Amino acid sequence: MCGQRTDNIIYQDTFYHLATLPLDSYLKALKDPLEFQSPDTGLQRGYEGTWEIRDNLLLLVELDGCVYNYRKVDIHCLFPGEDTVFANWFTGKLRIPFGFPIYQGGDYFQSIFDFELTIKIEKDTSLAQECKTQ
């Protein structure tokens, strides 16, 4: 499989690639899930999200995806009337690798970089952050 594009995150006014897919758990919990379609080999999951940590909350601020017949959809397709969505469904760790790649795996999700910022999201808020050097 071709290397996959990541979701993105804005954290402390800086744009990063995100090696976690927070929307996946939401999509899996839907009774009638939206079926995204891959627009190209670099985006097999069919969507790319942009997230932001603001006021200690994880927010989905943009969504670009493709569905049946390669019709483009945005955040309003999943969340009608909402421009920004609080990701209250997500609990876990956000992995934000950055810097120079030390090891390049099959894609960004498997690669190891100089630095990795981890943000722990628990019970609707971001609780802790840790930045480690590889």
Protein backbone atom coordinates (compact mmCIF):
# COMPACT_ATOMS: atom_id res chain seq x y z
CA MET A 1 0.00 0.00 0.00
CA CYS A 2 1.15 3.51 -0.80
CA GLY A 3 2.13 5.81 2.09
CA GLN A 4 -1.02 7.38 3.53
CA ARG A 5 -1.70 11.06 4.14
CA THR A 6 -2.29 11.96 7.74
CA ASP A 7 -4.87 14.05 9.47
CA ASN A 8 -3.52 17.41 10.63
CA ILE A 9 -3.62 19.27 13.91
CA ILE A 10 -3.14 22.85 15.02
CA TYR A 11 -1.59 22.94 18.48
CA GLN A 12 -0.35 26.10 20.17
CA ASP A 13 -0.73 27.97 16.86
CA THR A 14 1.52 25.49 15.02
CA PHE A 15 0.42 23.14 12.24
CA TYR A 16 1.49 19.47 12.55
CA HIS A 17 0.77 16.14 10.92
CA LEU A 18 -1.16 13.82 13.23
CA ALA A 19 -0.29 10.11 13.44
CA THR A 20 -3.65 9.30 15.07
CA LEU A 21 -7.09 9.16 13.45
CA PRO A 22 -9.57 10.54 16.03
CA LEU A 23 -12.54 10.39 13.66
CA ASP A 24 -12.26 6.60 13.22
CA SER A 25 -13.88 5.79 16.57
CA TYR A 26 -16.79 8.12 15.77
CA LEU A 27 -17.33 6.54 12.34
CA LYS A 28 -17.21 3.01 13.76
CA ALA A 29 -19.88 3.87 16.35
CA LEU A 30 -22.42 5.09 13.78
CA LYS A 31 -25.41 2.80 13.15
CA ASP A 32 -25.44 3.76 9.47
CA PRO A 33 -21.84 4.83 8.80
CA LEU A 34 -20.95 7.11 5.95
CA GLU A 35 -18.94 5.11 3.46
CA PHE A 36 -15.95 7.13 2.36
CA GLN A 37 -14.31 6.25 -0.94
CA SER A 38 -10.60 6.54 -1.64
CA PRO A 39 -9.93 9.42 -4.05
CA ASP A 40 -6.39 8.12 -4.67
CA THR A 41 -3.89 5.55 -3.39
CA GLY A 42 -2.50 7.99 -0.81
CA LEU A 43 -5.80 8.31 1.05
CA GLN A 44 -7.36 4.86 1.36
CA ARG A 45 -9.62 5.89 4.26
CA GLY A 46 -11.29 8.45 1.97
CA TYR A 47 -11.04 11.53 4.18
CA GLU A 48 -8.57 13.93 5.74
CA GLY A 49 -9.40 15.84 8.90
CA THR A 50 -7.91 18.95 10.44
CA TRP A 51 -8.06 19.16 14.21
CA GLU A 52 -7.25 21.83 16.76
CA ILE A 53 -6.58 21.82 20.48
CA ARG A 54 -8.31 24.95 21.74
CA ASP A 55 -9.13 25.71 25.38
CA ASN A 56 -7.99 22.16 26.23
CA LEU A 57 -10.59 20.64 23.89
CA LEU A 58 -10.02 18.53 20.77
CA LEU A 59 -11.98 20.09 17.92
CA LEU A 60 -12.57 18.92 14.36
CA VAL A 61 -12.28 22.12 12.33
CA GLU A 62 -12.19 20.79 8.77
CA LEU A 63 -13.01 17.60 6.91
CA ASP A 64 -12.33 16.84 3.26
CA GLY A 65 -13.56 13.52 1.96
CA CYS A 66 -15.00 11.56 -0.93
CA VAL A 67 -18.06 9.33 -0.97
CA TYR A 68 -19.90 7.38 -3.68
CA ASN A 69 -18.95 8.43 -7.24
CA TYR A 70 -16.09 10.49 -5.81
CA ARG A 71 -18.47 13.19 -4.62
CA LYS A 72 -16.58 15.59 -2.36
CA VAL A 73 -17.94 16.09 1.15
CA ASP A 74 -16.97 18.29 4.07
CA ILE A 75 -17.63 18.54 7.81
CA HIS A 76 -21.32 19.37 7.19
CA CYS A 77 -21.94 15.92 5.72
CA LEU A 78 -21.27 14.26 9.10
CA PHE A 79 -22.24 17.19 11.32
CA PRO A 80 -24.98 19.25 9.59
CA GLY A 81 -24.97 22.91 10.58
CA GLU A 82 -21.65 22.67 12.42
CA ASP A 83 -18.43 24.39 11.33
CA THR A 84 -16.39 23.14 14.29
CA VAL A 85 -17.13 19.96 16.25
CA PHE A 86 -16.01 19.08 19.78
CA ALA A 87 -14.63 15.53 19.61
CA ASN A 88 -16.29 14.29 22.81
CA TRP A 89 -16.21 10.70 21.46
CA PHE A 90 -12.41 10.47 21.47
CA THR A 91 -10.37 9.17 24.39
CA GLY A 92 -6.76 8.21 23.82
CA LYS A 93 -3.39 9.57 22.81
CA LEU A 94 -2.72 11.93 19.95
CA ARG A 95 0.69 11.22 18.39
CA ILE A 96 2.36 14.21 16.76
CA PRO A 97 5.76 13.24 15.31
CA PHE A 98 7.91 16.07 13.97
CA GLY A 99 11.45 16.97 13.04
CA PHE A 100 13.80 14.90 10.90
CA PRO A 101 12.77 11.31 10.06
CA ILE A 102 15.08 8.79 11.77
CA TYR A 103 13.28 5.78 10.32
CA GLN A 104 10.83 5.86 7.44
CA GLY A 105 8.28 3.09 7.65
CA GLY A 106 5.69 2.31 5.01
CA ASP A 107 4.01 5.64 5.73
CA TYR A 108 4.01 8.53 8.20
CA PHE A 109 2.12 6.50 10.80
CA GLN A 110 4.97 3.98 11.06
CA SER A 111 7.89 6.40 10.72
CA ILE A 112 10.02 7.60 13.63
CA PHE A 113 11.02 11.26 13.83
CA ASP A 114 13.45 13.28 15.98
CA PHE A 115 10.64 14.35 18.28
CA GLU A 116 7.19 13.11 19.18
CA LEU A 117 4.60 15.09 21.08
CA THR A 118 1.91 12.99 22.76
CA ILE A 119 -1.29 14.57 24.04
CA LYS A 120 -3.51 12.45 26.25
CA ILE A 121 -7.23 13.07 25.78
CA GLU A 122 -9.46 11.74 28.52
CA LYS A 123 -13.07 12.42 29.46
CA ASP A 124 -13.59 15.22 26.96
CA THR A 125 -10.45 17.25 27.68
CA SER A 126 -6.74 17.19 26.95
CA LEU A 127 -5.01 16.24 30.18
CA ALA A 128 -1.33 15.88 29.62
CA GLN A 129 1.33 16.42 27.04
CA GLU A 130 4.72 14.82 26.72
CA CYS A 131 7.44 15.61 24.20
CA LYS A 132 10.19 13.05 23.79
CA THR A 133 13.35 12.93 21.74
CA GLN A 134 14.06 9.75 19.80
